[in-house]
Amino acid sequence: MEVRGRNLAEGVPRSFTLNSNEILEALQDPLSGIVAAVKTALEQTPPELGADVAERGIVLTGGGALLRDLDRLLIEETGLPAIIAEDPLTCVARGGGRALEMIDEKGTDVFTFE
């Protein structure tokens, strides 16, 4: 894969080629951090929500969801189903917008669970 950018030391544009092993090595620590964060979140999840997660799985959103095989890695590491959201780059913003519309229509009680 050819990578282009700016050499920070010299301030000039530069391009070079990375092979898949170099890319995998560069992503190793960030992916380990993602897995650790997911496991920590699952450990701190209340039992009633944990049951939903166990049944429905983990939904990956944002740019990180586009990392190839991240869903498979999380399935392997957590033993839970994991899927990539439809349009992961914008789904959280759209969902937040819908939540605000619901608050405008029905008030904040819409989010009260008993």
PDB file of N, CA and C in Angstrom:
ATOM      1  N   MET A   1       0.848  -1.164   0.000  1.00  0.00           N
ATOM      2  CA  MET A   1       0.000   0.000   0.000  1.00  0.00           C
ATOM      3  C   MET A   1       0.899   1.234   0.000  1.00  0.00           C
ATOM      4  N   GLU A   2       0.606   2.162  -0.886  1.00  0.00           N
ATOM      5  CA  GLU A   2       1.376   3.400  -0.923  1.00  0.00           C
ATOM      6  C   GLU A   2       0.752   4.403   0.045  1.00  0.00           C
ATOM      7  N   VAL A   3       1.602   5.016   0.851  1.00  0.00           N
ATOM      8  CA  VAL A   3       1.167   5.995   1.839  1.00  0.00           C
ATOM      9  C   VAL A   3       1.798   7.329   1.489  1.00  0.00           C
ATOM     10  N   ARG A   4       0.987   8.367   1.537  1.00  0.00           N
ATOM     11  CA  ARG A   4       1.492   9.716   1.248  1.00  0.00           C
ATOM     12  C   ARG A   4       1.248  10.605   2.446  1.00  0.00           C
ATOM     13  N   GLY A   5       2.163  11.514   2.639  1.00  0.00           N
ATOM     14  CA  GLY A   5       2.021  12.449   3.749  1.00  0.00           C
ATOM     15  C   GLY A   5       3.116  13.490   3.700  1.00  0.00           C
ATOM     16  N   ARG A   6       3.296  14.164   4.819  1.00  0.00           N
ATOM     17  CA  ARG A   6       4.320  15.197   4.899  1.00  0.00           C
ATOM     18  C   ARG A   6       5.363  14.754   5.903  1.00  0.00           C
ATOM     19  N   ASN A   7       6.611  14.829   5.508  1.00  0.00           N
ATOM     20  CA  ASN A   7       7.725  14.535   6.399  1.00  0.00           C
ATOM     21  C   ASN A   7       7.790  15.668   7.417  1.00  0.00           C
ATOM     22  N   LEU A   8       7.508  15.379   8.674  1.00  0.00           N
ATOM     23  CA  LEU A   8       7.451  16.424   9.700  1.00  0.00           C
ATOM     24  C   LEU A   8       8.806  17.068   9.947  1.00  0.00           C
ATOM     25  N   ALA A   9       9.873  16.304   9.826  1.00  0.00           N
ATOM     26  CA  ALA A   9      11.211  16.856  10.071  1.00  0.00           C
ATOM     27  C   ALA A   9      11.616  17.834   8.983  1.00  0.00           C
ATOM     28  N   GLU A  10      11.258  17.514   7.728  1.00  0.00           N
ATOM     29  CA  GLU A  10      11.678  18.349   6.603  1.00  0.00           C
ATOM     30  C   GLU A  10      10.559  19.230   6.065  1.00  0.00           C
ATOM     31  N   GLY A  11       9.324  18.918   6.422  1.00  0.00           N
ATOM     32  CA  GLY A  11       8.187  19.711   5.967  1.00  0.00           C
ATOM     33  C   GLY A  11       7.845  19.533   4.500  1.00  0.00           C
ATOM     34  N   VAL A  12       8.301  18.453   3.892  1.00  0.00           N
ATOM     35  CA  VAL A  12       8.046  18.237   2.466  1.00  0.00           C
ATOM     36  C   VAL A  12       7.171  16.994   2.274  1.00  0.00           C
ATOM     37  N   PRO A  13       6.408  16.975   1.176  1.00  0.00           N
ATOM     38  CA  PRO A  13       5.599  15.787   0.892  1.00  0.00           C
ATOM     39  C   PRO A  13       6.491  14.569   0.637  1.00  0.00           C
ATOM     40  N   ARG A  14       5.977  13.405   1.014  1.00  0.00           N
ATOM     41  CA  ARG A  14       6.740  12.177   0.824  1.00  0.00           C
ATOM     42  C   ARG A  14       5.761  11.021   0.648  1.00  0.00           C
ATOM     43  N   SER A  15       6.171  10.017  -0.092  1.00  0.00           N
ATOM     44  CA  SER A  15       5.366   8.804  -0.206  1.00  0.00           C
ATOM     45  C   SER A  15       6.281   7.598  -0.048  1.00  0.00           C
ATOM     46  N   PHE A  16       5.723   6.523   0.487  1.00  0.00           N
ATOM     47  CA  PHE A  16       6.472   5.283   0.623  1.00  0.00           C
ATOM     48  C   PHE A  16       5.482   4.129   0.661  1.00  0.00           C
ATOM     49  N   THR A  17       6.003   2.929   0.528  1.00  0.00           N
ATOM     50  CA  THR A  17       5.166   1.740   0.470  1.00  0.00           C
ATOM     51  C   THR A  17       5.268   0.954   1.767  1.00  0.00           C
ATOM     52  N   LEU A  18       4.108   0.561   2.288  1.00  0.00           N
ATOM     53  CA  LEU A  18       4.042  -0.297   3.474  1.00  0.00           C
ATOM     54  C   LEU A  18       3.484  -1.648   3.059  1.00  0.00           C
ATOM     55  N   ASN A  19       4.021  -2.709   3.642  1.00  0.00           N
ATOM     56  CA  ASN A  19       3.433  -4.023   3.381  1.00  0.00           C
ATOM     57  C   ASN A  19       2.440  -4.357   4.496  1.00  0.00           C
ATOM     58  N   SER A  20       1.681  -5.423   4.313  1.00  0.00           N
ATOM     59  CA  SER A  20       0.619  -5.754   5.266  1.00  0.00           C
ATOM     60  C   SER A  20       1.162  -6.064   6.660  1.00  0.00           C
ATOM     61  N   ASN A  21       2.349  -6.643   6.756  1.00  0.00           N
ATOM     62  CA  ASN A  21       2.938  -6.919   8.070  1.00  0.00           C
ATOM     63  C   ASN A  21       3.258  -5.633   8.822  1.00  0.00           C
ATOM     64  N   GLU A  22       3.743  -4.622   8.110  1.00  0.00           N
ATOM     65  CA  GLU A  22       4.048  -3.337   8.749  1.00  0.00           C
ATOM     66  C   GLU A  22       2.771  -2.651   9.228  1.00  0.00           C
ATOM     67  N   ILE A  23       1.721  -2.756   8.441  1.00  0.00           N
ATOM     68  CA  ILE A  23       0.441  -2.162   8.836  1.00  0.00           C
ATOM     69  C   ILE A  23      -0.123  -2.893  10.050  1.00  0.00           C
ATOM     70  N   LEU A  24      -0.070  -4.220  10.026  1.00  0.00           N
ATOM     71  CA  LEU A  24      -0.548  -5.009  11.161  1.00  0.00           C
ATOM     72  C   LEU A  24       0.222  -4.665  12.427  1.00  0.00           C
ATOM     73  N   GLU A  25       1.527  -4.522  12.315  1.00  0.00           N
ATOM     74  CA  GLU A  25       2.354  -4.168  13.472  1.00  0.00           C
ATOM     75  C   GLU A  25       1.975  -2.795  14.019  1.00  0.00           C
ATOM     76  N   ALA A  26       1.720  -1.847  13.129  1.00  0.00           N
ATOM     77  CA  ALA A  26       1.357  -0.495  13.557  1.00  0.00           C
ATOM     78  C   ALA A  26      -0.006  -0.470  14.256  1.00  0.00           C
ATOM     79  N   LEU A  27      -0.895  -1.377  13.882  1.00  0.00           N
ATOM     80  CA  LEU A  27      -2.239  -1.398  14.466  1.00  0.00           C
ATOM     81  C   LEU A  27      -2.349  -2.261  15.713  1.00  0.00           C
ATOM     82  N   GLN A  28      -1.335  -3.039  16.013  1.00  0.00           N
ATOM     83  CA  GLN A  28      -1.393  -3.992  17.126  1.00  0.00           C
ATOM     84  C   GLN A  28      -1.756  -3.324  18.456  1.00  0.00           C
ATOM     85  N   ASP A  29      -1.040  -2.277  18.838  1.00  0.00           N
ATOM     86  CA  ASP A  29      -1.324  -1.606  20.115  1.00  0.00           C
ATOM     87  C   ASP A  29      -2.700  -0.940  20.139  1.00  0.00           C
ATOM     88  N   PRO A  30      -3.069  -0.171  19.089  1.00  0.00           N
ATOM     89  CA  PRO A  30      -4.414   0.417  19.119  1.00  0.00           C
ATOM     90  C   PRO A  30      -5.527  -0.630  19.183  1.00  0.00           C
ATOM     91  N   LEU A  31      -5.375  -1.736  18.461  1.00  0.00           N
ATOM     92  CA  LEU A  31      -6.402  -2.780  18.504  1.00  0.00           C
ATOM     93  C   LEU A  31      -6.469  -3.436  19.873  1.00  0.00           C
ATOM     94  N   SER A  32      -5.324  -3.635  20.496  1.00  0.00           N
ATOM     95  CA  SER A  32      -5.309  -4.184  21.861  1.00  0.00           C
ATOM     96  C   SER A  32      -6.018  -3.241  22.819  1.00  0.00           C
ATOM     97  N   GLY A  33      -5.824  -1.941  22.624  1.00  0.00           N
ATOM     98  CA  GLY A  33      -6.506  -0.947  23.454  1.00  0.00           C
ATOM     99  C   GLY A  33      -8.010  -0.971  23.266  1.00  0.00           C
ATOM    100  N   ILE A  34      -8.458  -1.142  22.026  1.00  0.00           N
ATOM    101  CA  ILE A  34      -9.891  -1.226  21.752  1.00  0.00           C
ATOM    102  C   ILE A  34     -10.487  -2.456  22.429  1.00  0.00           C
ATOM    103  N   VAL A  35      -9.819  -3.594  22.281  1.00  0.00           N
ATOM    104  CA  VAL A  35     -10.306  -4.832  22.901  1.00  0.00           C
ATOM    105  C   VAL A  35     -10.367  -4.679  24.418  1.00  0.00           C
ATOM    106  N   ALA A  36      -9.332  -4.102  25.011  1.00  0.00           N
ATOM    107  CA  ALA A  36      -9.309  -3.911  26.467  1.00  0.00           C
ATOM    108  C   ALA A  36     -10.440  -2.987  26.912  1.00  0.00           C
ATOM    109  N   ALA A  37     -10.687  -1.916  26.155  1.00  0.00           N
ATOM    110  CA  ALA A  37     -11.761  -0.981  26.510  1.00  0.00           C
ATOM    111  C   ALA A  37     -13.129  -1.653  26.424  1.00  0.00           C
ATOM    112  N   VAL A  38     -13.334  -2.465  25.407  1.00  0.00           N
ATOM    113  CA  VAL A  38     -14.607  -3.181  25.273  1.00  0.00           C
ATOM    114  C   VAL A  38     -14.791  -4.148  26.435  1.00  0.00           C
ATOM    115  N   LYS A  39     -13.747  -4.883  26.773  1.00  0.00           N
ATOM    116  CA  LYS A  39     -13.842  -5.830  27.893  1.00  0.00           C
ATOM    117  C   LYS A  39     -14.126  -5.104  29.207  1.00  0.00           C
ATOM    118  N   THR A  40     -13.485  -3.962  29.425  1.00  0.00           N
ATOM    119  CA  THR A  40     -13.729  -3.177  30.636  1.00  0.00           C
ATOM    120  C   THR A  40     -15.175  -2.698  30.678  1.00  0.00           C
ATOM    121  N   ALA A  41     -15.673  -2.197  29.551  1.00  0.00           N
ATOM    122  CA  ALA A  41     -17.066  -1.740  29.498  1.00  0.00           C
ATOM    123  C   ALA A  41     -18.026  -2.888  29.787  1.00  0.00           C
ATOM    124  N   LEU A  42     -17.739  -4.059  29.240  1.00  0.00           N
ATOM    125  CA  LEU A  42     -18.605  -5.220  29.488  1.00  0.00           C
ATOM    126  C   LEU A  42     -18.583  -5.637  30.953  1.00  0.00           C
ATOM    127  N   GLU A  43     -17.416  -5.565  31.588  1.00  0.00           N
ATOM    128  CA  GLU A  43     -17.303  -5.922  33.005  1.00  0.00           C
ATOM    129  C   GLU A  43     -18.099  -4.972  33.890  1.00  0.00           C
ATOM    130  N   GLN A  44     -18.235  -3.719  33.461  1.00  0.00           N
ATOM    131  CA  GLN A  44     -18.925  -2.708  34.255  1.00  0.00           C
ATOM    132  C   GLN A  44     -20.399  -2.559  33.874  1.00  0.00           C
ATOM    133  N   THR A  45     -20.851  -3.349  32.925  1.00  0.00           N
ATOM    134  CA  THR A  45     -22.228  -3.270  32.456  1.00  0.00           C
ATOM    135  C   THR A  45     -23.168  -3.918  33.466  1.00  0.00           C
ATOM    136  N   PRO A  46     -24.258  -3.227  33.840  1.00  0.00           N
ATOM    137  CA  PRO A  46     -25.234  -3.821  34.762  1.00  0.00           C
ATOM    138  C   PRO A  46     -25.806  -5.117  34.175  1.00  0.00           C
ATOM    139  N   PRO A  47     -26.174  -6.068  35.033  1.00  0.00           N
ATOM    140  CA  PRO A  47     -26.649  -7.377  34.555  1.00  0.00           C
ATOM    141  C   PRO A  47     -27.808  -7.307  33.563  1.00  0.00           C
ATOM    142  N   GLU A  48     -28.772  -6.410  33.803  1.00  0.00           N
ATOM    143  CA  GLU A  48     -29.923  -6.344  32.901  1.00  0.00           C
ATOM    144  C   GLU A  48     -29.517  -5.890  31.495  1.00  0.00           C
ATOM    145  N   LEU A  49     -28.551  -4.988  31.408  1.00  0.00           N
ATOM    146  CA  LEU A  49     -28.049  -4.560  30.104  1.00  0.00           C
ATOM    147  C   LEU A  49     -27.129  -5.627  29.515  1.00  0.00           C
ATOM    148  N   GLY A  50     -26.370  -6.289  30.384  1.00  0.00           N
ATOM    149  CA  GLY A  50     -25.484  -7.362  29.936  1.00  0.00           C
ATOM    150  C   GLY A  50     -26.246  -8.481  29.246  1.00  0.00           C
ATOM    151  N   ALA A  51     -27.454  -8.766  29.730  1.00  0.00           N
ATOM    152  CA  ALA A  51     -28.280  -9.797  29.098  1.00  0.00           C
ATOM    153  C   ALA A  51     -28.650  -9.389  27.677  1.00  0.00           C
ATOM    154  N   ASP A  52     -28.972  -8.104  27.482  1.00  0.00           N
ATOM    155  CA  ASP A  52     -29.272  -7.608  26.131  1.00  0.00           C
ATOM    156  C   ASP A  52     -28.054  -7.719  25.225  1.00  0.00           C
ATOM    157  N   VAL A  53     -26.889  -7.359  25.750  1.00  0.00           N
ATOM    158  CA  VAL A  53     -25.657  -7.426  24.955  1.00  0.00           C
ATOM    159  C   VAL A  53     -25.355  -8.873  24.586  1.00  0.00           C
ATOM    160  N   ALA A  54     -25.540  -9.778  25.527  1.00  0.00           N
ATOM    161  CA  ALA A  54     -25.285 -11.194  25.249  1.00  0.00           C
ATOM    162  C   ALA A  54     -26.217 -11.717  24.157  1.00  0.00           C
ATOM    163  N   GLU A  55     -27.457 -11.227  24.152  1.00  0.00           N
ATOM    164  CA  GLU A  55     -28.442 -11.685  23.169  1.00  0.00           C
ATOM    165  C   GLU A  55     -28.264 -11.005  21.817  1.00  0.00           C
ATOM    166  N   ARG A  56     -28.091  -9.678  21.846  1.00  0.00           N
ATOM    167  CA  ARG A  56     -28.061  -8.908  20.599  1.00  0.00           C
ATOM    168  C   ARG A  56     -26.656  -8.655  20.076  1.00  0.00           C
ATOM    169  N   GLY A  57     -25.676  -8.658  20.961  1.00  0.00           N
ATOM    170  CA  GLY A  57     -24.296  -8.458  20.544  1.00  0.00           C
ATOM    171  C   GLY A  57     -23.833  -7.018  20.635  1.00  0.00           C
ATOM    172  N   ILE A  58     -22.633  -6.814  20.151  1.00  0.00           N
ATOM    173  CA  ILE A  58     -21.971  -5.515  20.154  1.00  0.00           C
ATOM    174  C   ILE A  58     -22.153  -4.903  18.771  1.00  0.00           C
ATOM    175  N   VAL A  59     -22.533  -3.625  18.719  1.00  0.00           N
ATOM    176  CA  VAL A  59     -22.670  -2.928  17.447  1.00  0.00           C
ATOM    177  C   VAL A  59     -21.521  -1.931  17.346  1.00  0.00           C
ATOM    178  N   LEU A  60     -20.718  -2.077  16.305  1.00  0.00           N
ATOM    179  CA  LEU A  60     -19.563  -1.204  16.109  1.00  0.00           C
ATOM    180  C   LEU A  60     -19.970   0.016  15.297  1.00  0.00           C
ATOM    181  N   THR A  61     -19.591   1.198  15.796  1.00  0.00           N
ATOM    182  CA  THR A  61     -19.918   2.448  15.119  1.00  0.00           C
ATOM    183  C   THR A  61     -18.662   3.290  14.974  1.00  0.00           C
ATOM    184  N   GLY A  62     -18.764   4.346  14.175  1.00  0.00           N
ATOM    185  CA  GLY A  62     -17.641   5.257  13.996  1.00  0.00           C
ATOM    186  C   GLY A  62     -16.615   4.723  13.011  1.00  0.00           C
ATOM    187  N   GLY A  63     -15.576   5.501  12.810  1.00  0.00           N
ATOM    188  CA  GLY A  63     -14.539   5.136  11.854  1.00  0.00           C
ATOM    189  C   GLY A  63     -13.817   3.853  12.196  1.00  0.00           C
ATOM    190  N   GLY A  64     -13.655   3.579  13.481  1.00  0.00           N
ATOM    191  CA  GLY A  64     -12.984   2.350  13.893  1.00  0.00           C
ATOM    192  C   GLY A  64     -13.718   1.105  13.435  1.00  0.00           C
ATOM    193  N   ALA A  65     -15.034   1.216  13.270  1.00  0.00           N
ATOM    194  CA  ALA A  65     -15.820   0.073  12.807  1.00  0.00           C
ATOM    195  C   ALA A  65     -15.420  -0.352  11.401  1.00  0.00           C
ATOM    196  N   LEU A  66     -14.777   0.557  10.673  1.00  0.00           N
ATOM    197  CA  LEU A  66     -14.370   0.256   9.304  1.00  0.00           C
ATOM    198  C   LEU A  66     -13.032  -0.473   9.230  1.00  0.00           C
ATOM    199  N   LEU A  67     -12.375  -0.665  10.371  1.00  0.00           N
ATOM    200  CA  LEU A  67     -11.134  -1.441  10.370  1.00  0.00           C
ATOM    201  C   LEU A  67     -11.462  -2.890  10.023  1.00  0.00           C
ATOM    202  N   ARG A  68     -10.810  -3.397   9.013  1.00  0.00           N
ATOM    203  CA  ARG A  68     -11.109  -4.749   8.534  1.00  0.00           C
ATOM    204  C   ARG A  68     -10.954  -5.776   9.651  1.00  0.00           C
ATOM    205  N   ASP A  69     -11.971  -6.590   9.801  1.00  0.00           N
ATOM    206  CA  ASP A  69     -12.008  -7.717  10.735  1.00  0.00           C
ATOM    207  C   ASP A  69     -12.035  -7.325  12.208  1.00  0.00           C
ATOM    208  N   LEU A  70     -12.309  -6.052  12.530  1.00  0.00           N
ATOM    209  CA  LEU A  70     -12.442  -5.678  13.937  1.00  0.00           C
ATOM    210  C   LEU A  70     -13.610  -6.427  14.568  1.00  0.00           C
ATOM    211  N   ASP A  71     -14.690  -6.593  13.823  1.00  0.00           N
ATOM    212  CA  ASP A  71     -15.829  -7.349  14.353  1.00  0.00           C
ATOM    213  C   ASP A  71     -15.424  -8.782  14.684  1.00  0.00           C
ATOM    214  N   ARG A  72     -14.659  -9.409  13.820  1.00  0.00           N
ATOM    215  CA  ARG A  72     -14.199 -10.782  14.079  1.00  0.00           C
ATOM    216  C   ARG A  72     -13.282 -10.845  15.298  1.00  0.00           C
ATOM    217  N   LEU A  73     -12.404  -9.857  15.427  1.00  0.00           N
ATOM    218  CA  LEU A  73     -11.502  -9.817  16.578  1.00  0.00           C
ATOM    219  C   LEU A  73     -12.302  -9.730  17.875  1.00  0.00           C
ATOM    220  N   LEU A  74     -13.321  -8.864  17.905  1.00  0.00           N
ATOM    221  CA  LEU A  74     -14.126  -8.715  19.117  1.00  0.00           C
ATOM    222  C   LEU A  74     -14.955  -9.964  19.404  1.00  0.00           C
ATOM    223  N   ILE A  75     -15.439 -10.619  18.374  1.00  0.00           N
ATOM    224  CA  ILE A  75     -16.154 -11.886  18.570  1.00  0.00           C
ATOM    225  C   ILE A  75     -15.214 -12.898  19.218  1.00  0.00           C
ATOM    226  N   GLU A  76     -14.007 -12.979  18.681  1.00  0.00           N
ATOM    227  CA  GLU A  76     -13.010 -13.927  19.197  1.00  0.00           C
ATOM    228  C   GLU A  76     -12.617 -13.611  20.635  1.00  0.00           C
ATOM    229  N   GLU A  77     -12.433 -12.337  20.945  1.00  0.00           N
ATOM    230  CA  GLU A  77     -11.936 -11.930  22.262  1.00  0.00           C
ATOM    231  C   GLU A  77     -13.014 -11.907  23.339  1.00  0.00           C
ATOM    232  N   THR A  78     -14.276 -11.642  22.950  1.00  0.00           N
ATOM    233  CA  THR A  78     -15.342 -11.521  23.955  1.00  0.00           C
ATOM    234  C   THR A  78     -16.287 -12.718  23.968  1.00  0.00           C
ATOM    235  N   GLY A  79     -16.333 -13.458  22.880  1.00  0.00           N
ATOM    236  CA  GLY A  79     -17.292 -14.548  22.778  1.00  0.00           C
ATOM    237  C   GLY A  79     -18.710 -14.072  22.516  1.00  0.00           C
ATOM    238  N   LEU A  80     -18.872 -12.791  22.204  1.00  0.00           N
ATOM    239  CA  LEU A  80     -20.187 -12.212  21.940  1.00  0.00           C
ATOM    240  C   LEU A  80     -20.337 -11.911  20.455  1.00  0.00           C
ATOM    241  N   PRO A  81     -21.580 -11.885  19.970  1.00  0.00           N
ATOM    242  CA  PRO A  81     -21.778 -11.462  18.583  1.00  0.00           C
ATOM    243  C   PRO A  81     -21.349 -10.004  18.419  1.00  0.00           C
ATOM    244  N   ALA A  82     -20.856  -9.656  17.252  1.00  0.00           N
ATOM    245  CA  ALA A  82     -20.486  -8.268  16.957  1.00  0.00           C
ATOM    246  C   ALA A  82     -20.827  -7.985  15.504  1.00  0.00           C
ATOM    247  N   ILE A  83     -21.463  -6.844  15.279  1.00  0.00           N
ATOM    248  CA  ILE A  83     -21.810  -6.452  13.913  1.00  0.00           C
ATOM    249  C   ILE A  83     -21.381  -5.012  13.682  1.00  0.00           C
ATOM    250  N   ILE A  84     -21.217  -4.660  12.434  1.00  0.00           N
ATOM    251  CA  ILE A  84     -20.895  -3.290  12.056  1.00  0.00           C
ATOM    252  C   ILE A  84     -22.213  -2.598  11.726  1.00  0.00           C
ATOM    253  N   ALA A  85     -22.440  -1.445  12.335  1.00  0.00           N
ATOM    254  CA  ALA A  85     -23.677  -0.701  12.101  1.00  0.00           C
ATOM    255  C   ALA A  85     -23.784  -0.302  10.634  1.00  0.00           C
ATOM    256  N   GLU A  86     -25.017  -0.177  10.184  1.00  0.00           N
ATOM    257  CA  GLU A  86     -25.235   0.370   8.852  1.00  0.00           C
ATOM    258  C   GLU A  86     -24.793   1.831   8.873  1.00  0.00           C
ATOM    259  N   ASP A  87     -23.981   2.222   7.943  1.00  0.00           N
ATOM    260  CA  ASP A  87     -23.428   3.577   7.859  1.00  0.00           C
ATOM    261  C   ASP A  87     -22.791   3.991   9.188  1.00  0.00           C
ATOM    262  N   PRO A  88     -21.738   3.289   9.602  1.00  0.00           N
ATOM    263  CA  PRO A  88     -21.153   3.509  10.931  1.00  0.00           C
ATOM    264  C   PRO A  88     -20.606   4.916  11.161  1.00  0.00           C
ATOM    265  N   LEU A  89     -20.278   5.636  10.102  1.00  0.00           N
ATOM    266  CA  LEU A  89     -19.715   6.974  10.284  1.00  0.00           C
ATOM    267  C   LEU A  89     -20.744   7.997  10.733  1.00  0.00           C
ATOM    268  N   THR A  90     -22.011   7.780  10.422  1.00  0.00           N
ATOM    269  CA  THR A  90     -23.023   8.788  10.767  1.00  0.00           C
ATOM    270  C   THR A  90     -24.138   8.272  11.672  1.00  0.00           C
ATOM    271  N   CYS A  91     -24.179   6.977  11.960  1.00  0.00           N
ATOM    272  CA  CYS A  91     -25.329   6.421  12.678  1.00  0.00           C
ATOM    273  C   CYS A  91     -25.496   6.998  14.081  1.00  0.00           C
ATOM    274  N   VAL A  92     -24.411   7.282  14.782  1.00  0.00           N
ATOM    275  CA  VAL A  92     -24.528   7.821  16.142  1.00  0.00           C
ATOM    276  C   VAL A  92     -25.110   9.236  16.103  1.00  0.00           C
ATOM    277  N   ALA A  93     -24.651  10.045  15.162  1.00  0.00           N
ATOM    278  CA  ALA A  93     -25.182  11.405  15.044  1.00  0.00           C
ATOM    279  C   ALA A  93     -26.664  11.371  14.668  1.00  0.00           C
ATOM    280  N   ARG A  94     -27.031  10.478  13.744  1.00  0.00           N
ATOM    281  CA  ARG A  94     -28.440  10.374  13.359  1.00  0.00           C
ATOM    282  C   ARG A  94     -29.292   9.883  14.523  1.00  0.00           C
ATOM    283  N   GLY A  95     -28.784   8.915  15.288  1.00  0.00           N
ATOM    284  CA  GLY A  95     -29.518   8.419  16.457  1.00  0.00           C
ATOM    285  C   GLY A  95     -29.674   9.489  17.518  1.00  0.00           C
ATOM    286  N   GLY A  96     -28.628  10.276  17.726  1.00  0.00           N
ATOM    287  CA  GLY A  96     -28.713  11.390  18.677  1.00  0.00           C
ATOM    288  C   GLY A  96     -29.750  12.409  18.242  1.00  0.00           C
ATOM    289  N   GLY A  97     -29.796  12.671  16.944  1.00  0.00           N
ATOM    290  CA  GLY A  97     -30.802  13.592  16.410  1.00  0.00           C
ATOM    291  C   GLY A  97     -32.210  13.078  16.634  1.00  0.00           C
ATOM    292  N   ARG A  98     -32.408  11.789  16.432  1.00  0.00           N
ATOM    293  CA  ARG A  98     -33.729  11.194  16.674  1.00  0.00           C
ATOM    294  C   ARG A  98     -34.102  11.272  18.150  1.00  0.00           C
ATOM    295  N   ALA A  99     -33.129  11.052  19.024  1.00  0.00           N
ATOM    296  CA  ALA A  99     -33.400  11.146  20.466  1.00  0.00           C
ATOM    297  C   ALA A  99     -33.836  12.558  20.832  1.00  0.00           C
ATOM    298  N   LEU A 100     -33.179  13.557  20.271  1.00  0.00           N
ATOM    299  CA  LEU A 100     -33.575  14.945  20.538  1.00  0.00           C
ATOM    300  C   LEU A 100     -34.985  15.226  20.024  1.00  0.00           C
ATOM    301  N   GLU A 101     -35.321  14.688  18.865  1.00  0.00           N
ATOM    302  CA  GLU A 101     -36.681  14.851  18.343  1.00  0.00           C
ATOM    303  C   GLU A 101     -37.705  14.214  19.281  1.00  0.00           C
ATOM    304  N   MET A 102     -37.379  13.049  19.826  1.00  0.00           N
ATOM    305  CA  MET A 102     -38.291  12.376  20.759  1.00  0.00           C
ATOM    306  C   MET A 102     -38.479  13.206  22.023  1.00  0.00           C
ATOM    307  N   ILE A 103     -37.400  13.824  22.497  1.00  0.00           N
ATOM    308  CA  ILE A 103     -37.506  14.673  23.686  1.00  0.00           C
ATOM    309  C   ILE A 103     -38.408  15.861  23.385  1.00  0.00           C
ATOM    310  N   ASP A 104     -38.247  16.463  22.193  1.00  0.00           N
ATOM    311  CA  ASP A 104     -39.096  17.591  21.809  1.00  0.00           C
ATOM    312  C   ASP A 104     -40.566  17.177  21.744  1.00  0.00           C
ATOM    313  N   GLU A 105     -40.829  15.976  21.241  1.00  0.00           N
ATOM    314  CA  GLU A 105     -42.205  15.517  21.071  1.00  0.00           C
ATOM    315  C   GLU A 105     -42.838  15.027  22.370  1.00  0.00           C
ATOM    316  N   LYS A 106     -42.079  14.278  23.171  1.00  0.00           N
ATOM    317  CA  LYS A 106     -42.662  13.581  24.319  1.00  0.00           C
ATOM    318  C   LYS A 106     -42.082  13.984  25.663  1.00  0.00           C
ATOM    319  N   GLY A 107     -41.075  14.818  25.673  1.00  0.00           N
ATOM    320  CA  GLY A 107     -40.444  15.216  26.926  1.00  0.00           C
ATOM    321  C   GLY A 107     -39.377  14.224  27.351  1.00  0.00           C
ATOM    322  N   THR A 108     -38.684  14.561  28.411  1.00  0.00           N
ATOM    323  CA  THR A 108     -37.561  13.732  28.859  1.00  0.00           C
ATOM    324  C   THR A 108     -37.995  12.416  29.478  1.00  0.00           C
ATOM    325  N   ASP A 109     -39.286  12.265  29.795  1.00  0.00           N
ATOM    326  CA  ASP A 109     -39.768  11.008  30.378  1.00  0.00           C
ATOM    327  C   ASP A 109     -39.632   9.834  29.415  1.00  0.00           C
ATOM    328  N   VAL A 110     -39.425  10.121  28.139  1.00  0.00           N
ATOM    329  CA  VAL A 110     -39.286   9.060  27.146  1.00  0.00           C
ATOM    330  C   VAL A 110     -38.094   8.153  27.462  1.00  0.00           C
ATOM    331  N   PHE A 111     -37.128   8.654  28.213  1.00  0.00           N
ATOM    332  CA  PHE A 111     -35.936   7.879  28.543  1.00  0.00           C
ATOM    333  C   PHE A 111     -35.952   7.328  29.962  1.00  0.00           C
ATOM    334  N   THR A 112     -37.091   7.384  30.629  1.00  0.00           N
ATOM    335  CA  THR A 112     -37.212   6.843  31.979  1.00  0.00           C
ATOM    336  C   THR A 112     -37.642   5.389  31.885  1.00  0.00           C
ATOM    337  N   PHE A 113     -36.839   4.522  32.466  1.00  0.00           N
ATOM    338  CA  PHE A 113     -37.133   3.094  32.430  1.00  0.00           C
ATOM    339  C   PHE A 113     -37.478   2.625  33.832  1.00  0.00           C
ATOM    340  N   GLU A 114     -38.557   1.895  33.943  1.00  0.00           N
ATOM    341  CA  GLU A 114     -38.956   1.365  35.249  1.00  0.00           C
ATOM    342  C   GLU A 114     -39.259  -0.092  35.155  1.00  0.00           C
TER     343      GLU A 114
END
